[in-house]
Amino acid sequence: MHSGRLASSPDAFLTLEDLSNSRCHGNVPSHDMLSATHFSESHPPHWPFLNKTVHTVIQWLNNGQTAKSEAETTKLVHNVILSPTFNPADLTGFDAHHENQ
């Protein structure tokens, strides 16, 4: 008699490569090839992102606090952060609520 329930989770068969958004899937070792300890030691803290800055932007995008689109995040990077007039030092003590007043 079939109960309609799976005997195991389909996700149990996924590898880290299957779950990664990385564009370099061919360079990512599968879960079977690495222990969790070795895996964390072989990649920089910002992995799978290109660098710490990209990691920070994506972390901000996906913080779950507000709805932010990928398109708006891309505009933030290109129109604000990459602007030749952008100076991170000018944001010391920045408060968006205060500035909006």
N, C-alpha and C. Protein backbone atom coordinates (compact mmCIF):
# COMPACT_ATOMS: atom_id res chain seq x y z
N MET A 1 0.84 -1.18 0.00
CA MET A 1 0.00 0.00 0.00
C MET A 1 0.88 1.24 0.00
N HIS A 2 0.60 2.16 -0.88
CA HIS A 2 1.39 3.38 -1.03
C HIS A 2 0.75 4.50 -0.20
N SER A 3 1.52 5.06 0.71
CA SER A 3 0.98 6.09 1.61
C SER A 3 1.03 7.48 1.01
N GLY A 4 1.72 7.68 -0.13
CA GLY A 4 1.82 8.99 -0.73
C GLY A 4 3.01 9.79 -0.19
N ARG A 5 3.71 9.25 0.77
CA ARG A 5 4.87 9.93 1.34
C ARG A 5 6.14 9.37 0.74
N LEU A 6 7.13 10.24 0.57
CA LEU A 6 8.42 9.79 0.07
C LEU A 6 9.21 9.13 1.19
N ALA A 7 9.97 8.12 0.85
CA ALA A 7 10.79 7.44 1.83
C ALA A 7 11.97 8.30 2.26
N SER A 8 12.42 9.21 1.37
CA SER A 8 13.51 10.12 1.71
C SER A 8 13.28 11.45 1.01
N SER A 9 13.99 12.44 1.44
CA SER A 9 13.86 13.77 0.85
C SER A 9 14.57 13.83 -0.50
N PRO A 10 13.92 14.36 -1.53
CA PRO A 10 14.60 14.51 -2.82
C PRO A 10 15.84 15.41 -2.71
N ASP A 11 15.82 16.35 -1.78
CA ASP A 11 16.95 17.25 -1.58
C ASP A 11 18.19 16.52 -1.07
N ALA A 12 18.01 15.35 -0.51
CA ALA A 12 19.14 14.61 0.03
C ALA A 12 20.13 14.22 -1.07
N PHE A 13 19.68 14.23 -2.31
CA PHE A 13 20.53 13.84 -3.42
C PHE A 13 21.20 15.02 -4.12
N LEU A 14 20.93 16.24 -3.66
CA LEU A 14 21.54 17.43 -4.26
C LEU A 14 22.94 17.64 -3.72
N THR A 15 23.82 18.11 -4.57
CA THR A 15 25.18 18.45 -4.15
C THR A 15 25.26 19.95 -3.92
N LEU A 16 26.36 20.40 -3.34
CA LEU A 16 26.58 21.84 -3.19
C LEU A 16 26.60 22.52 -4.55
N GLU A 17 27.12 21.85 -5.55
CA GLU A 17 27.16 22.40 -6.90
C GLU A 17 25.74 22.63 -7.43
N ASP A 18 24.83 21.69 -7.14
CA ASP A 18 23.44 21.82 -7.58
C ASP A 18 22.77 23.03 -6.95
N LEU A 19 23.14 23.35 -5.72
CA LEU A 19 22.50 24.43 -4.98
C LEU A 19 23.17 25.78 -5.17
N SER A 20 24.33 25.82 -5.76
CA SER A 20 25.11 27.05 -5.91
C SER A 20 24.57 27.91 -7.04
N ASN A 21 24.64 29.24 -6.83
CA ASN A 21 24.30 30.20 -7.89
C ASN A 21 25.56 30.60 -8.66
N SER A 22 26.66 29.99 -8.35
CA SER A 22 27.95 30.34 -8.94
C SER A 22 27.94 30.09 -10.44
N ARG A 23 28.63 30.96 -11.18
CA ARG A 23 28.75 30.80 -12.63
C ARG A 23 29.85 29.82 -12.99
N CYS A 24 30.62 29.37 -12.03
CA CYS A 24 31.76 28.51 -12.32
C CYS A 24 31.52 27.10 -11.78
N HIS A 25 30.39 26.51 -12.14
CA HIS A 25 30.04 25.19 -11.61
C HIS A 25 31.12 24.15 -11.87
N GLY A 26 31.80 24.24 -12.97
CA GLY A 26 32.82 23.26 -13.29
C GLY A 26 33.98 23.32 -12.32
N ASN A 27 34.19 24.43 -11.64
CA ASN A 27 35.31 24.58 -10.72
C ASN A 27 34.93 24.29 -9.27
N VAL A 28 33.67 24.01 -9.01
CA VAL A 28 33.22 23.79 -7.64
C VAL A 28 33.23 22.31 -7.35
N PRO A 29 34.01 21.87 -6.37
CA PRO A 29 34.04 20.44 -6.03
C PRO A 29 32.69 20.00 -5.49
N SER A 30 32.31 18.77 -5.77
CA SER A 30 31.05 18.25 -5.27
C SER A 30 31.16 17.96 -3.77
N HIS A 31 30.02 17.84 -3.12
CA HIS A 31 29.97 17.56 -1.69
C HIS A 31 30.66 16.24 -1.37
N ASP A 32 30.56 15.28 -2.30
CA ASP A 32 31.18 13.97 -2.08
C ASP A 32 32.70 14.07 -2.01
N MET A 33 33.29 15.07 -2.66
CA MET A 33 34.74 15.17 -2.74
C MET A 33 35.34 15.89 -1.54
N LEU A 34 34.53 16.61 -0.79
CA LEU A 34 35.06 17.41 0.31
C LEU A 34 34.29 17.17 1.59
N SER A 35 34.98 17.15 2.68
CA SER A 35 34.29 17.16 3.96
C SER A 35 33.86 18.59 4.23
N ALA A 36 32.92 18.81 5.11
CA ALA A 36 32.46 20.16 5.43
C ALA A 36 33.60 21.03 5.94
N THR A 37 34.49 20.45 6.72
CA THR A 37 35.62 21.20 7.26
C THR A 37 36.55 21.63 6.15
N HIS A 38 36.92 20.70 5.27
CA HIS A 38 37.82 21.04 4.17
C HIS A 38 37.18 22.08 3.26
N PHE A 39 35.89 21.94 3.01
CA PHE A 39 35.18 22.86 2.14
C PHE A 39 35.27 24.29 2.67
N SER A 40 35.02 24.49 3.96
CA SER A 40 35.05 25.84 4.51
C SER A 40 36.46 26.41 4.54
N GLU A 41 37.47 25.54 4.65
CA GLU A 41 38.86 26.00 4.67
C GLU A 41 39.38 26.31 3.28
N SER A 42 38.78 25.76 2.24
CA SER A 42 39.31 25.92 0.89
C SER A 42 38.70 27.10 0.13
N HIS A 43 37.75 27.78 0.72
CA HIS A 43 37.11 28.92 0.05
C HIS A 43 37.18 30.15 0.94
N PRO A 44 37.30 31.32 0.33
CA PRO A 44 37.32 32.55 1.12
C PRO A 44 35.95 32.80 1.76
N PRO A 45 35.89 33.62 2.80
CA PRO A 45 34.62 33.87 3.50
C PRO A 45 33.51 34.42 2.60
N HIS A 46 33.86 35.10 1.52
CA HIS A 46 32.84 35.69 0.64
C HIS A 46 32.34 34.71 -0.43
N TRP A 47 32.91 33.49 -0.47
CA TRP A 47 32.51 32.51 -1.47
C TRP A 47 31.03 32.19 -1.35
N PRO A 48 30.28 32.04 -2.42
CA PRO A 48 30.66 31.89 -3.81
C PRO A 48 30.70 33.21 -4.58
N PHE A 49 30.69 34.32 -3.89
CA PHE A 49 30.69 35.61 -4.56
C PHE A 49 32.10 36.02 -4.96
N LEU A 50 32.19 36.89 -5.95
CA LEU A 50 33.46 37.30 -6.53
C LEU A 50 34.41 37.92 -5.52
N ASN A 51 33.87 38.73 -4.61
CA ASN A 51 34.72 39.40 -3.62
C ASN A 51 33.85 39.83 -2.43
N LYS A 52 34.48 40.44 -1.42
CA LYS A 52 33.76 40.84 -0.21
C LYS A 52 32.73 41.92 -0.48
N THR A 53 33.02 42.81 -1.42
CA THR A 53 32.07 43.88 -1.74
C THR A 53 30.80 43.31 -2.35
N VAL A 54 30.93 42.41 -3.31
CA VAL A 54 29.76 41.79 -3.93
C VAL A 54 28.99 41.00 -2.87
N HIS A 55 29.69 40.29 -2.00
CA HIS A 55 29.04 39.55 -0.92
C HIS A 55 28.21 40.49 -0.03
N THR A 56 28.77 41.65 0.30
CA THR A 56 28.07 42.61 1.16
C THR A 56 26.81 43.13 0.49
N VAL A 57 26.89 43.45 -0.81
CA VAL A 57 25.71 43.94 -1.54
C VAL A 57 24.63 42.87 -1.59
N ILE A 58 25.01 41.64 -1.89
CA ILE A 58 24.02 40.56 -1.98
C ILE A 58 23.45 40.23 -0.60
N GLN A 59 24.27 40.31 0.42
CA GLN A 59 23.77 40.11 1.79
C GLN A 59 22.73 41.19 2.12
N TRP A 60 23.00 42.42 1.74
CA TRP A 60 22.04 43.52 1.96
C TRP A 60 20.75 43.26 1.19
N LEU A 61 20.88 42.83 -0.08
CA LEU A 61 19.71 42.55 -0.91
C LEU A 61 18.82 41.48 -0.28
N ASN A 62 19.43 40.45 0.27
CA ASN A 62 18.68 39.29 0.76
C ASN A 62 18.55 39.24 2.27
N ASN A 63 18.54 40.40 2.93
CA ASN A 63 18.49 40.39 4.39
C ASN A 63 17.11 40.08 4.95
N GLY A 64 16.09 40.04 4.10
CA GLY A 64 14.75 39.67 4.55
C GLY A 64 14.00 40.78 5.26
N GLN A 65 14.61 41.92 5.44
CA GLN A 65 13.97 43.01 6.16
C GLN A 65 12.96 43.77 5.29
N THR A 66 13.28 43.98 4.04
CA THR A 66 12.40 44.71 3.13
C THR A 66 12.47 44.06 1.76
N ALA A 67 11.49 44.34 0.95
CA ALA A 67 11.49 43.81 -0.41
C ALA A 67 12.36 44.70 -1.29
N LYS A 68 13.42 44.13 -1.81
CA LYS A 68 14.31 44.84 -2.72
C LYS A 68 14.46 43.97 -3.96
N SER A 69 14.31 44.56 -5.10
CA SER A 69 14.44 43.78 -6.32
C SER A 69 15.90 43.69 -6.75
N GLU A 70 16.20 42.68 -7.53
CA GLU A 70 17.54 42.57 -8.11
C GLU A 70 17.83 43.76 -9.00
N ALA A 71 16.82 44.22 -9.75
CA ALA A 71 17.01 45.36 -10.65
C ALA A 71 17.34 46.64 -9.87
N GLU A 72 16.66 46.87 -8.76
CA GLU A 72 16.95 48.05 -7.95
C GLU A 72 18.33 47.97 -7.30
N THR A 73 18.74 46.76 -6.91
CA THR A 73 20.07 46.58 -6.34
C THR A 73 21.14 46.86 -7.40
N THR A 74 20.90 46.39 -8.62
CA THR A 74 21.84 46.66 -9.72
C THR A 74 21.92 48.17 -9.97
N LYS A 75 20.80 48.88 -9.93
CA LYS A 75 20.80 50.34 -10.10
C LYS A 75 21.57 51.00 -8.97
N LEU A 76 21.41 50.53 -7.72
CA LEU A 76 22.14 51.08 -6.59
C LEU A 76 23.64 50.99 -6.83
N VAL A 77 24.09 49.83 -7.28
CA VAL A 77 25.52 49.63 -7.51
C VAL A 77 26.01 50.54 -8.64
N HIS A 78 25.32 50.54 -9.78
CA HIS A 78 25.80 51.29 -10.94
C HIS A 78 25.61 52.80 -10.81
N ASN A 79 24.49 53.22 -10.24
CA ASN A 79 24.19 54.65 -10.18
C ASN A 79 24.69 55.35 -8.93
N VAL A 80 24.97 54.60 -7.89
CA VAL A 80 25.41 55.21 -6.64
C VAL A 80 26.83 54.79 -6.29
N ILE A 81 27.02 53.51 -6.01
CA ILE A 81 28.31 53.04 -5.51
C ILE A 81 29.42 53.24 -6.54
N LEU A 82 29.14 53.00 -7.81
CA LEU A 82 30.16 53.15 -8.84
C LEU A 82 30.25 54.57 -9.40
N SER A 83 29.45 55.46 -8.91
CA SER A 83 29.49 56.86 -9.37
C SER A 83 30.85 57.47 -9.01
N PRO A 84 31.42 58.25 -9.90
CA PRO A 84 32.71 58.89 -9.59
C PRO A 84 32.62 59.87 -8.42
N THR A 85 31.42 60.30 -8.09
CA THR A 85 31.26 61.23 -6.97
C THR A 85 30.99 60.53 -5.64
N PHE A 86 30.88 59.20 -5.67
CA PHE A 86 30.59 58.46 -4.45
C PHE A 86 31.84 58.36 -3.58
N ASN A 87 31.68 58.73 -2.30
CA ASN A 87 32.78 58.65 -1.35
C ASN A 87 32.26 57.99 -0.08
N PRO A 88 32.64 56.75 0.18
CA PRO A 88 32.13 56.04 1.36
C PRO A 88 32.38 56.79 2.67
N ALA A 89 33.46 57.54 2.74
CA ALA A 89 33.77 58.28 3.97
C ALA A 89 32.69 59.32 4.27
N ASP A 90 32.00 59.81 3.24
CA ASP A 90 30.92 60.78 3.44
C ASP A 90 29.72 60.17 4.17
N LEU A 91 29.66 58.86 4.27
CA LEU A 91 28.52 58.19 4.89
C LEU A 91 28.74 57.87 6.37
N THR A 92 29.86 58.27 6.91
CA THR A 92 30.10 58.05 8.34
C THR A 92 29.00 58.74 9.13
N GLY A 93 28.32 57.98 9.97
CA GLY A 93 27.22 58.52 10.77
C GLY A 93 25.92 58.70 10.01
N PHE A 94 25.85 58.19 8.79
CA PHE A 94 24.66 58.34 7.94
C PHE A 94 23.42 57.73 8.59
N ASP A 95 22.29 58.43 8.48
CA ASP A 95 20.99 57.94 8.94
C ASP A 95 19.96 58.34 7.89
N ALA A 96 19.39 57.37 7.19
CA ALA A 96 18.47 57.64 6.09
C ALA A 96 17.25 58.41 6.56
N HIS A 97 16.72 58.07 7.72
CA HIS A 97 15.54 58.77 8.22
C HIS A 97 15.84 60.26 8.41
N HIS A 98 16.96 60.55 9.04
CA HIS A 98 17.35 61.94 9.26
C HIS A 98 17.53 62.69 7.94
N GLU A 99 18.19 62.05 6.98
CA GLU A 99 18.43 62.69 5.67
C GLU A 99 17.13 62.90 4.90
N ASN A 100 16.16 62.03 5.08
CA ASN A 100 14.87 62.19 4.40
C ASN A 100 14.04 63.31 4.98
N GLN A 101 14.32 63.70 6.19
CA GLN A 101 13.58 64.79 6.82
C GLN A 101 13.99 66.07 6.16
